């Protein structure tokens, strides 16, 4: 079909995964726990 019509054929696209709800405050925070990690404990 591509060779006859010259038009590209789009592959079927599966259902999209539901996106995470946006943060209403519009800020991105990183939670840094003061508890040492396992690697620090081993060291």
ModelCIF file with pLDDT and N, C-alpha, C, O atoms, coordinates in Angstrom:
data_MODEL
#
_entry.id   MODEL 
#
_entity.id                         1 
_entity.type                       polymer 
_entity.pdbx_number_of_molecules   1 
#
_entity_poly.entity_id                      1 
_entity_poly.type                           'polypeptide(L)' 
_entity_poly.nstd_linkage                   no 
_entity_poly.nstd_monomer                   no 
_entity_poly.pdbx_seq_one_letter_code       
;(UNK)(UNK)(UNK)(UNK)(UNK)(UNK)(UNK)(UNK)(UNK)(UNK)(UNK)(UNK)(UNK)(UNK)(UNK)(UNK)
(UNK)(UNK)(UNK)(UNK)(UNK)(UNK)(UNK)(UNK)(UNK)(UNK)(UNK)(UNK)(UNK)(UNK)(UNK)(UNK)
(UNK)(UNK)(UNK)(UNK)(UNK)(UNK)(UNK)(UNK)(UNK)(UNK)(UNK)
;
_entity_poly.pdbx_seq_one_letter_code_can   XXXXXXXXXXXXXXXXXXXXXXXXXXXXXXXXXXXXXXXXXXX 
_entity_poly.pdbx_strand_id                 A 
#
loop_
_entity_poly_seq.entity_id 
_entity_poly_seq.num 
_entity_poly_seq.mon_id 
_entity_poly_seq.hetero 
1 1  UNK n 
1 2  UNK n 
1 3  UNK n 
1 4  UNK n 
1 5  UNK n 
1 6  UNK n 
1 7  UNK n 
1 8  UNK n 
1 9  UNK n 
1 10 UNK n 
1 11 UNK n 
1 12 UNK n 
1 13 UNK n 
1 14 UNK n 
1 15 UNK n 
1 16 UNK n 
1 17 UNK n 
1 18 UNK n 
1 19 UNK n 
1 20 UNK n 
1 21 UNK n 
1 22 UNK n 
1 23 UNK n 
1 24 UNK n 
1 25 UNK n 
1 26 UNK n 
1 27 UNK n 
1 28 UNK n 
1 29 UNK n 
1 30 UNK n 
1 31 UNK n 
1 32 UNK n 
1 33 UNK n 
1 34 UNK n 
1 35 UNK n 
1 36 UNK n 
1 37 UNK n 
1 38 UNK n 
1 39 UNK n 
1 40 UNK n 
1 41 UNK n 
1 42 UNK n 
1 43 UNK n 
#
_struct_asym.id          A 
_struct_asym.entity_id   1 
#
loop_
_ma_qa_metric.id 
_ma_qa_metric.mode 
_ma_qa_metric.name 
_ma_qa_metric.software_group_id 
_ma_qa_metric.type 
1 global pLDDT . pLDDT 
2 local  pLDDT . pLDDT 
#
_ma_qa_metric_global.metric_id      1 
_ma_qa_metric_global.metric_value   50.67 
_ma_qa_metric_global.model_id       1 
_ma_qa_metric_global.ordinal_id     1 
#
loop_
_ma_qa_metric_local.label_asym_id 
_ma_qa_metric_local.label_comp_id 
_ma_qa_metric_local.label_seq_id 
_ma_qa_metric_local.metric_id 
_ma_qa_metric_local.metric_value 
_ma_qa_metric_local.model_id 
_ma_qa_metric_local.ordinal_id 
A UNK 1  2 43.00 1 1  
A UNK 2  2 40.00 1 2  
A UNK 3  2 44.00 1 3  
A UNK 4  2 41.00 1 4  
A UNK 5  2 46.00 1 5  
A UNK 6  2 45.00 1 6  
A UNK 7  2 48.00 1 7  
A UNK 8  2 46.00 1 8  
A UNK 9  2 46.00 1 9  
A UNK 10 2 46.00 1 10 
A UNK 11 2 47.00 1 11 
A UNK 12 2 47.00 1 12 
A UNK 13 2 47.00 1 13 
A UNK 14 2 47.00 1 14 
A UNK 15 2 50.00 1 15 
A UNK 16 2 50.00 1 16 
A UNK 17 2 47.00 1 17 
A UNK 18 2 50.00 1 18 
A UNK 19 2 48.00 1 19 
A UNK 20 2 46.00 1 20 
A UNK 21 2 49.00 1 21 
A UNK 22 2 46.00 1 22 
A UNK 23 2 46.00 1 23 
A UNK 24 2 47.00 1 24 
A UNK 25 2 47.00 1 25 
A UNK 26 2 48.00 1 26 
A UNK 27 2 46.00 1 27 
A UNK 28 2 45.00 1 28 
A UNK 29 2 45.00 1 29 
A UNK 30 2 41.00 1 30 
A UNK 31 2 44.00 1 31 
A UNK 32 2 43.00 1 32 
A UNK 33 2 47.00 1 33 
A UNK 34 2 52.00 1 34 
A UNK 35 2 55.00 1 35 
A UNK 36 2 56.00 1 36 
A UNK 37 2 62.00 1 37 
A UNK 38 2 70.00 1 38 
A UNK 39 2 75.00 1 39 
A UNK 40 2 70.00 1 40 
A UNK 41 2 69.00 1 41 
A UNK 42 2 77.00 1 42 
A UNK 43 2 75.00 1 43 
#
loop_
_atom_site.group_PDB 
_atom_site.id 
_atom_site.type_symbol 
_atom_site.label_atom_id 
_atom_site.label_alt_id 
_atom_site.label_comp_id 
_atom_site.label_asym_id 
_atom_site.label_entity_id 
_atom_site.label_seq_id 
_atom_site.pdbx_PDB_ins_code 
_atom_site.Cartn_x 
_atom_site.Cartn_y 
_atom_site.Cartn_z 
_atom_site.occupancy 
_atom_site.B_iso_or_equiv 
_atom_site.pdbx_formal_charge 
_atom_site.auth_seq_id 
_atom_site.auth_comp_id 
_atom_site.auth_asym_id 
_atom_site.auth_atom_id 
_atom_site.pdbx_PDB_model_num 
ATOM 1   N N  . UNK A 1 1  ? 0.831  -1.207 0.000  1.00 43.00 ? 1  UNK A N  1 
ATOM 2   C CA . UNK A 1 1  ? 0.000  0.000  0.000  1.00 43.00 ? 1  UNK A CA 1 
ATOM 3   C C  . UNK A 1 1  ? 0.856  1.245  0.000  1.00 43.00 ? 1  UNK A C  1 
ATOM 4   O O  . UNK A 1 1  ? 0.531  2.229  -0.664 1.00 43.00 ? 1  UNK A O  1 
ATOM 5   N N  . UNK A 1 2  ? 1.951  1.206  0.742  1.00 40.00 ? 2  UNK A N  1 
ATOM 6   C CA . UNK A 1 2  ? 2.826  2.368  0.747  1.00 40.00 ? 2  UNK A CA 1 
ATOM 7   C C  . UNK A 1 2  ? 3.438  2.580  -0.621 1.00 40.00 ? 2  UNK A C  1 
ATOM 8   O O  . UNK A 1 2  ? 3.572  3.713  -1.082 1.00 40.00 ? 2  UNK A O  1 
ATOM 9   N N  . UNK A 1 3  ? 3.812  1.478  -1.275 1.00 44.00 ? 3  UNK A N  1 
ATOM 10  C CA . UNK A 1 3  ? 4.410  1.626  -2.592 1.00 44.00 ? 3  UNK A CA 1 
ATOM 11  C C  . UNK A 1 3  ? 3.401  2.127  -3.618 1.00 44.00 ? 3  UNK A C  1 
ATOM 12  O O  . UNK A 1 3  ? 3.776  2.835  -4.553 1.00 44.00 ? 3  UNK A O  1 
ATOM 13  N N  . UNK A 1 4  ? 2.072  1.756  -3.452 1.00 41.00 ? 4  UNK A N  1 
ATOM 14  C CA . UNK A 1 4  ? 1.071  2.167  -4.434 1.00 41.00 ? 4  UNK A CA 1 
ATOM 15  C C  . UNK A 1 4  ? 0.608  3.591  -4.210 1.00 41.00 ? 4  UNK A C  1 
ATOM 16  O O  . UNK A 1 4  ? 0.580  4.393  -5.144 1.00 41.00 ? 4  UNK A O  1 
ATOM 17  N N  . UNK A 1 5  ? 0.247  3.907  -2.990 1.00 46.00 ? 5  UNK A N  1 
ATOM 18  C CA . UNK A 1 5  ? -0.342 5.217  -2.703 1.00 46.00 ? 5  UNK A CA 1 
ATOM 19  C C  . UNK A 1 5  ? 0.696  6.265  -2.386 1.00 46.00 ? 5  UNK A C  1 
ATOM 20  O O  . UNK A 1 5  ? 0.456  7.457  -2.581 1.00 46.00 ? 5  UNK A O  1 
ATOM 21  N N  . UNK A 1 6  ? 1.861  5.836  -1.893 1.00 45.00 ? 6  UNK A N  1 
ATOM 22  C CA . UNK A 1 6  ? 2.874  6.821  -1.512 1.00 45.00 ? 6  UNK A CA 1 
ATOM 23  C C  . UNK A 1 6  ? 2.602  7.487  -0.197 1.00 45.00 ? 6  UNK A C  1 
ATOM 24  O O  . UNK A 1 6  ? 3.324  8.411  0.175  1.00 45.00 ? 6  UNK A O  1 
ATOM 25  N N  . UNK A 1 7  ? 1.558  7.046  0.551  1.00 48.00 ? 7  UNK A N  1 
ATOM 26  C CA . UNK A 1 7  ? 1.221  7.639  1.838  1.00 48.00 ? 7  UNK A CA 1 
ATOM 27  C C  . UNK A 1 7  ? 1.700  6.705  2.949  1.00 48.00 ? 7  UNK A C  1 
ATOM 28  O O  . UNK A 1 7  ? 1.539  5.490  2.835  1.00 48.00 ? 7  UNK A O  1 
ATOM 29  N N  . UNK A 1 8  ? 2.271  7.234  3.997  1.00 46.00 ? 8  UNK A N  1 
ATOM 30  C CA . UNK A 1 8  ? 2.722  6.383  5.108  1.00 46.00 ? 8  UNK A CA 1 
ATOM 31  C C  . UNK A 1 8  ? 1.545  5.843  5.894  1.00 46.00 ? 8  UNK A C  1 
ATOM 32  O O  . UNK A 1 8  ? 0.520  6.508  6.046  1.00 46.00 ? 8  UNK A O  1 
ATOM 33  N N  . UNK A 1 9  ? 1.702  4.673  6.370  1.00 46.00 ? 9  UNK A N  1 
ATOM 34  C CA . UNK A 1 9  ? 0.663  4.034  7.186  1.00 46.00 ? 9  UNK A CA 1 
ATOM 35  C C  . UNK A 1 9  ? 1.104  4.139  8.637  1.00 46.00 ? 9  UNK A C  1 
ATOM 36  O O  . UNK A 1 9  ? 2.207  3.732  9.001  1.00 46.00 ? 9  UNK A O  1 
ATOM 37  N N  . UNK A 1 10 ? 0.245  4.679  9.433  1.00 46.00 ? 10 UNK A N  1 
ATOM 38  C CA . UNK A 1 10 ? 0.551  4.860  10.859 1.00 46.00 ? 10 UNK A CA 1 
ATOM 39  C C  . UNK A 1 10 ? 0.263  3.575  11.605 1.00 46.00 ? 10 UNK A C  1 
ATOM 40  O O  . UNK A 1 10 ? -0.773 2.943  11.398 1.00 46.00 ? 10 UNK A O  1 
ATOM 41  N N  . UNK A 1 11 ? 1.156  3.202  12.450 1.00 47.00 ? 11 UNK A N  1 
ATOM 42  C CA . UNK A 1 11 ? 0.954  1.999  13.250 1.00 47.00 ? 11 UNK A CA 1 
ATOM 43  C C  . UNK A 1 11 ? -0.098 2.272  14.312 1.00 47.00 ? 11 UNK A C  1 
ATOM 44  O O  . UNK A 1 11 ? -0.183 3.385  14.830 1.00 47.00 ? 11 UNK A O  1 
ATOM 45  N N  . UNK A 1 12 ? -0.902 1.262  14.641 1.00 47.00 ? 12 UNK A N  1 
ATOM 46  C CA . UNK A 1 12 ? -1.938 1.466  15.669 1.00 47.00 ? 12 UNK A CA 1 
ATOM 47  C C  . UNK A 1 12 ? -1.298 1.772  17.009 1.00 47.00 ? 12 UNK A C  1 
ATOM 48  O O  . UNK A 1 12 ? -0.304 1.165  17.406 1.00 47.00 ? 12 UNK A O  1 
ATOM 49  N N  . UNK A 1 13 ? -1.875 2.688  17.660 1.00 47.00 ? 13 UNK A N  1 
ATOM 50  C CA . UNK A 1 13 ? -1.365 3.145  18.950 1.00 47.00 ? 13 UNK A CA 1 
ATOM 51  C C  . UNK A 1 13 ? -2.247 2.571  20.036 1.00 47.00 ? 13 UNK A C  1 
ATOM 52  O O  . UNK A 1 13 ? -3.473 2.662  19.969 1.00 47.00 ? 13 UNK A O  1 
ATOM 53  N N  . UNK A 1 14 ? -1.610 1.971  21.053 1.00 47.00 ? 14 UNK A N  1 
ATOM 54  C CA . UNK A 1 14 ? -2.362 1.378  22.152 1.00 47.00 ? 14 UNK A CA 1 
ATOM 55  C C  . UNK A 1 14 ? -2.916 2.438  23.077 1.00 47.00 ? 14 UNK A C  1 
ATOM 56  O O  . UNK A 1 14 ? -2.615 3.622  22.923 1.00 47.00 ? 14 UNK A O  1 
ATOM 57  N N  . UNK A 1 15 ? -3.722 2.022  24.035 1.00 50.00 ? 15 UNK A N  1 
ATOM 58  C CA . UNK A 1 15 ? -4.301 2.992  24.989 1.00 50.00 ? 15 UNK A CA 1 
ATOM 59  C C  . UNK A 1 15 ? -3.226 3.610  25.870 1.00 50.00 ? 15 UNK A C  1 
ATOM 60  O O  . UNK A 1 15 ? -2.313 2.934  26.345 1.00 50.00 ? 15 UNK A O  1 
ATOM 61  N N  . UNK A 1 16 ? -3.360 4.880  26.069 1.00 50.00 ? 16 UNK A N  1 
ATOM 62  C CA . UNK A 1 16 ? -2.398 5.609  26.893 1.00 50.00 ? 16 UNK A CA 1 
ATOM 63  C C  . UNK A 1 16 ? -2.622 5.325  28.366 1.00 50.00 ? 16 UNK A C  1 
ATOM 64  O O  . UNK A 1 16 ? -3.748 5.132  28.825 1.00 50.00 ? 16 UNK A O  1 
ATOM 65  N N  . UNK A 1 17 ? -1.507 5.306  29.094 1.00 47.00 ? 17 UNK A N  1 
ATOM 66  C CA . UNK A 1 17 ? -1.605 5.126  30.548 1.00 47.00 ? 17 UNK A CA 1 
ATOM 67  C C  . UNK A 1 17 ? -2.114 6.403  31.179 1.00 47.00 ? 17 UNK A C  1 
ATOM 68  O O  . UNK A 1 17 ? -1.757 7.495  30.736 1.00 47.00 ? 17 UNK A O  1 
ATOM 69  N N  . UNK A 1 18 ? -2.943 6.288  32.207 1.00 50.00 ? 18 UNK A N  1 
ATOM 70  C CA . UNK A 1 18 ? -3.472 7.497  32.862 1.00 50.00 ? 18 UNK A CA 1 
ATOM 71  C C  . UNK A 1 18 ? -2.352 8.291  33.494 1.00 50.00 ? 18 UNK A C  1 
ATOM 72  O O  . UNK A 1 18 ? -1.520 7.757  34.229 1.00 50.00 ? 18 UNK A O  1 
ATOM 73  N N  . UNK A 1 19 ? -2.348 9.551  33.200 1.00 48.00 ? 19 UNK A N  1 
ATOM 74  C CA . UNK A 1 19 ? -1.303 10.434 33.749 1.00 48.00 ? 19 UNK A CA 1 
ATOM 75  C C  . UNK A 1 19 ? -1.604 10.779 35.183 1.00 48.00 ? 19 UNK A C  1 
ATOM 76  O O  . UNK A 1 19 ? -2.757 10.803 35.614 1.00 48.00 ? 19 UNK A O  1 
ATOM 77  N N  . UNK A 1 20 ? -0.497 11.058 35.941 1.00 46.00 ? 20 UNK A N  1 
ATOM 78  C CA . UNK A 1 20 ? -0.640 11.412 37.352 1.00 46.00 ? 20 UNK A CA 1 
ATOM 79  C C  . UNK A 1 20 ? -1.273 12.789 37.474 1.00 46.00 ? 20 UNK A C  1 
ATOM 80  O O  . UNK A 1 20 ? -0.994 13.678 36.669 1.00 46.00 ? 20 UNK A O  1 
ATOM 81  N N  . UNK A 1 21 ? -2.120 12.966 38.473 1.00 49.00 ? 21 UNK A N  1 
ATOM 82  C CA . UNK A 1 21 ? -2.746 14.290 38.657 1.00 49.00 ? 21 UNK A CA 1 
ATOM 83  C C  . UNK A 1 21 ? -1.706 15.336 38.972 1.00 49.00 ? 21 UNK A C  1 
ATOM 84  O O  . UNK A 1 21 ? -0.755 15.090 39.714 1.00 49.00 ? 21 UNK A O  1 
ATOM 85  N N  . UNK A 1 22 ? -1.897 16.490 38.406 1.00 46.00 ? 22 UNK A N  1 
ATOM 86  C CA . UNK A 1 22 ? -0.952 17.595 38.595 1.00 46.00 ? 22 UNK A CA 1 
ATOM 87  C C  . UNK A 1 22 ? -1.059 18.142 40.007 1.00 46.00 ? 22 UNK A C  1 
ATOM 88  O O  . UNK A 1 22 ? -2.120 18.113 40.630 1.00 46.00 ? 22 UNK A O  1 
ATOM 89  N N  . UNK A 1 23 ? 0.051  18.634 40.487 1.00 46.00 ? 23 UNK A N  1 
ATOM 90  C CA . UNK A 1 23 ? 0.092  19.239 41.814 1.00 46.00 ? 23 UNK A CA 1 
ATOM 91  C C  . UNK A 1 23 ? -0.610 20.583 41.764 1.00 46.00 ? 23 UNK A C  1 
ATOM 92  O O  . UNK A 1 23 ? -0.191 21.470 41.021 1.00 46.00 ? 23 UNK A O  1 
ATOM 93  N N  . UNK A 1 24 ? -1.679 20.750 42.549 1.00 47.00 ? 24 UNK A N  1 
ATOM 94  C CA . UNK A 1 24 ? -2.407 22.038 42.483 1.00 47.00 ? 24 UNK A CA 1 
ATOM 95  C C  . UNK A 1 24 ? -1.558 23.219 42.896 1.00 47.00 ? 24 UNK A C  1 
ATOM 96  O O  . UNK A 1 24 ? -1.794 24.335 42.434 1.00 47.00 ? 24 UNK A O  1 
ATOM 97  N N  . UNK A 1 25 ? -0.576 23.004 43.753 1.00 47.00 ? 25 UNK A N  1 
ATOM 98  C CA . UNK A 1 25 ? 0.255  24.138 44.181 1.00 47.00 ? 25 UNK A CA 1 
ATOM 99  C C  . UNK A 1 25 ? 1.254  24.556 43.122 1.00 47.00 ? 25 UNK A C  1 
ATOM 100 O O  . UNK A 1 25 ? 1.772  25.672 43.158 1.00 47.00 ? 25 UNK A O  1 
ATOM 101 N N  . UNK A 1 26 ? 1.531  23.658 42.172 1.00 48.00 ? 26 UNK A N  1 
ATOM 102 C CA . UNK A 1 26 ? 2.457  23.999 41.103 1.00 48.00 ? 26 UNK A CA 1 
ATOM 103 C C  . UNK A 1 26 ? 3.914  23.937 41.499 1.00 48.00 ? 26 UNK A C  1 
ATOM 104 O O  . UNK A 1 26 ? 4.765  24.429 40.758 1.00 48.00 ? 26 UNK A O  1 
ATOM 105 N N  . UNK A 1 27 ? 4.242  23.338 42.666 1.00 46.00 ? 27 UNK A N  1 
ATOM 106 C CA . UNK A 1 27 ? 5.623  23.242 43.128 1.00 46.00 ? 27 UNK A CA 1 
ATOM 107 C C  . UNK A 1 27 ? 6.020  21.774 43.187 1.00 46.00 ? 27 UNK A C  1 
ATOM 108 O O  . UNK A 1 27 ? 5.198  20.888 43.418 1.00 46.00 ? 27 UNK A O  1 
ATOM 109 N N  . UNK A 1 28 ? 7.304  21.554 42.970 1.00 45.00 ? 28 UNK A N  1 
ATOM 110 C CA . UNK A 1 28 ? 7.853  20.206 43.025 1.00 45.00 ? 28 UNK A CA 1 
ATOM 111 C C  . UNK A 1 28 ? 8.749  20.130 44.248 1.00 45.00 ? 28 UNK A C  1 
ATOM 112 O O  . UNK A 1 28 ? 9.672  20.935 44.375 1.00 45.00 ? 28 UNK A O  1 
ATOM 113 N N  . UNK A 1 29 ? 8.505  19.180 45.159 1.00 45.00 ? 29 UNK A N  1 
ATOM 114 C CA . UNK A 1 29 ? 9.287  19.038 46.387 1.00 45.00 ? 29 UNK A CA 1 
ATOM 115 C C  . UNK A 1 29 ? 9.999  17.707 46.412 1.00 45.00 ? 29 UNK A C  1 
ATOM 116 O O  . UNK A 1 29 ? 9.510  16.718 45.867 1.00 45.00 ? 29 UNK A O  1 
ATOM 117 N N  . UNK A 1 30 ? 11.159 17.684 47.047 1.00 41.00 ? 30 UNK A N  1 
ATOM 118 C CA . UNK A 1 30 ? 11.950 16.479 47.220 1.00 41.00 ? 30 UNK A CA 1 
ATOM 119 C C  . UNK A 1 30 ? 12.044 16.200 48.707 1.00 41.00 ? 30 UNK A C  1 
ATOM 120 O O  . UNK A 1 30 ? 12.480 17.053 49.480 1.00 41.00 ? 30 UNK A O  1 
ATOM 121 N N  . UNK A 1 31 ? 11.634 15.001 49.109 1.00 44.00 ? 31 UNK A N  1 
ATOM 122 C CA . UNK A 1 31 ? 11.625 14.624 50.511 1.00 44.00 ? 31 UNK A CA 1 
ATOM 123 C C  . UNK A 1 31 ? 12.946 13.943 50.849 1.00 44.00 ? 31 UNK A C  1 
ATOM 124 O O  . UNK A 1 31 ? 13.167 12.793 50.471 1.00 44.00 ? 31 UNK A O  1 
ATOM 125 N N  . UNK A 1 32 ? 13.810 14.638 51.548 1.00 43.00 ? 32 UNK A N  1 
ATOM 126 C CA . UNK A 1 32 ? 15.100 14.107 51.952 1.00 43.00 ? 32 UNK A CA 1 
ATOM 127 C C  . UNK A 1 32 ? 15.021 13.699 53.410 1.00 43.00 ? 32 UNK A C  1 
ATOM 128 O O  . UNK A 1 32 ? 14.945 14.550 54.296 1.00 43.00 ? 32 UNK A O  1 
ATOM 129 N N  . UNK A 1 33 ? 15.040 12.396 53.660 1.00 47.00 ? 33 UNK A N  1 
ATOM 130 C CA . UNK A 1 33 ? 14.955 11.909 55.027 1.00 47.00 ? 33 UNK A CA 1 
ATOM 131 C C  . UNK A 1 33 ? 16.329 11.944 55.679 1.00 47.00 ? 33 UNK A C  1 
ATOM 132 O O  . UNK A 1 33 ? 17.314 11.580 55.037 1.00 47.00 ? 33 UNK A O  1 
ATOM 133 N N  . UNK A 1 34 ? 16.426 12.371 56.934 1.00 52.00 ? 34 UNK A N  1 
ATOM 134 C CA . UNK A 1 34 ? 17.738 12.381 57.593 1.00 52.00 ? 34 UNK A CA 1 
ATOM 135 C C  . UNK A 1 34 ? 18.239 11.002 57.945 1.00 52.00 ? 34 UNK A C  1 
ATOM 136 O O  . UNK A 1 34 ? 19.392 10.864 58.355 1.00 52.00 ? 34 UNK A O  1 
ATOM 137 N N  . UNK A 1 35 ? 17.423 9.973  57.804 1.00 55.00 ? 35 UNK A N  1 
ATOM 138 C CA . UNK A 1 35 ? 17.843 8.621  58.131 1.00 55.00 ? 35 UNK A CA 1 
ATOM 139 C C  . UNK A 1 35 ? 18.869 8.140  57.125 1.00 55.00 ? 35 UNK A C  1 
ATOM 140 O O  . UNK A 1 35 ? 18.615 8.238  55.924 1.00 55.00 ? 35 UNK A O  1 
ATOM 141 N N  . UNK A 1 36 ? 20.034 7.617  57.557 1.00 56.00 ? 36 UNK A N  1 
ATOM 142 C CA . UNK A 1 36 ? 21.058 7.186  56.606 1.00 56.00 ? 36 UNK A CA 1 
ATOM 143 C C  . UNK A 1 36 ? 20.609 5.981  55.808 1.00 56.00 ? 36 UNK A C  1 
ATOM 144 O O  . UNK A 1 36 ? 19.829 5.164  56.296 1.00 56.00 ? 36 UNK A O  1 
ATOM 145 N N  . UNK A 1 37 ? 21.093 5.867  54.591 1.00 62.00 ? 37 UNK A N  1 
ATOM 146 C CA . UNK A 1 37 ? 20.735 4.762  53.731 1.00 62.00 ? 37 UNK A CA 1 
ATOM 147 C C  . UNK A 1 37 ? 21.455 3.495  54.169 1.00 62.00 ? 37 UNK A C  1 
ATOM 148 O O  . UNK A 1 37 ? 22.286 3.506  55.077 1.00 62.00 ? 37 UNK A O  1 
ATOM 149 N N  . UNK A 1 38 ? 21.106 2.395  53.488 1.00 70.00 ? 38 UNK A N  1 
ATOM 150 C CA . UNK A 1 38 ? 21.732 1.125  53.822 1.00 70.00 ? 38 UNK A CA 1 
ATOM 151 C C  . UNK A 1 38 ? 23.214 1.121  53.480 1.00 70.00 ? 38 UNK A C  1 
ATOM 152 O O  . UNK A 1 38 ? 24.021 0.529  54.197 1.00 70.00 ? 38 UNK A O  1 
ATOM 153 N N  . UNK A 1 39 ? 23.572 1.784  52.383 1.00 75.00 ? 39 UNK A N  1 
ATOM 154 C CA . UNK A 1 39 ? 24.990 1.840  52.012 1.00 75.00 ? 39 UNK A CA 1 
ATOM 155 C C  . UNK A 1 39 ? 25.809 2.601  53.046 1.00 75.00 ? 39 UNK A C  1 
ATOM 156 O O  . UNK A 1 39 ? 26.941 2.222  53.345 1.00 75.00 ? 39 UNK A O  1 
ATOM 157 N N  . UNK A 1 40 ? 25.237 3.681  53.596 1.00 70.00 ? 40 UNK A N  1 
ATOM 158 C CA . UNK A 1 40 ? 25.955 4.433  54.640 1.00 70.00 ? 40 UNK A CA 1 
ATOM 159 C C  . UNK A 1 40 ? 26.113 3.579  55.897 1.00 70.00 ? 40 UNK A C  1 
ATOM 160 O O  . UNK A 1 40 ? 27.151 3.626  56.556 1.00 70.00 ? 40 UNK A O  1 
ATOM 161 N N  . UNK A 1 41 ? 25.084 2.800  56.226 1.00 69.00 ? 41 UNK A N  1 
ATOM 162 C CA . UNK A 1 41 ? 25.173 1.927  57.396 1.00 69.00 ? 41 UNK A CA 1 
ATOM 163 C C  . UNK A 1 41 ? 26.240 0.854  57.202 1.00 69.00 ? 41 UNK A C  1 
ATOM 164 O O  . UNK A 1 41 ? 26.986 0.539  58.129 1.00 69.00 ? 41 UNK A O  1 
ATOM 165 N N  . UNK A 1 42 ? 26.312 0.291  55.989 1.00 77.00 ? 42 UNK A N  1 
ATOM 166 C CA . UNK A 1 42 ? 27.345 -0.719 55.710 1.00 77.00 ? 42 UNK A CA 1 
ATOM 167 C C  . UNK A 1 42 ? 28.741 -0.095 55.777 1.00 77.00 ? 42 UNK A C  1 
ATOM 168 O O  . UNK A 1 42 ? 29.672 -0.700 56.309 1.00 77.00 ? 42 UNK A O  1 
ATOM 169 N N  . UNK A 1 43 ? 28.880 1.122  55.234 1.00 75.00 ? 43 UNK A N  1 
ATOM 170 C CA . UNK A 1 43 ? 30.173 1.811  55.306 1.00 75.00 ? 43 UNK A CA 1 
ATOM 171 C C  . UNK A 1 43 ? 30.564 2.093  56.748 1.00 75.00 ? 43 UNK A C  1 
ATOM 172 O O  . UNK A 1 43 ? 31.623 2.668  57.000 1.00 75.00 ? 43 UNK A O  1 
#
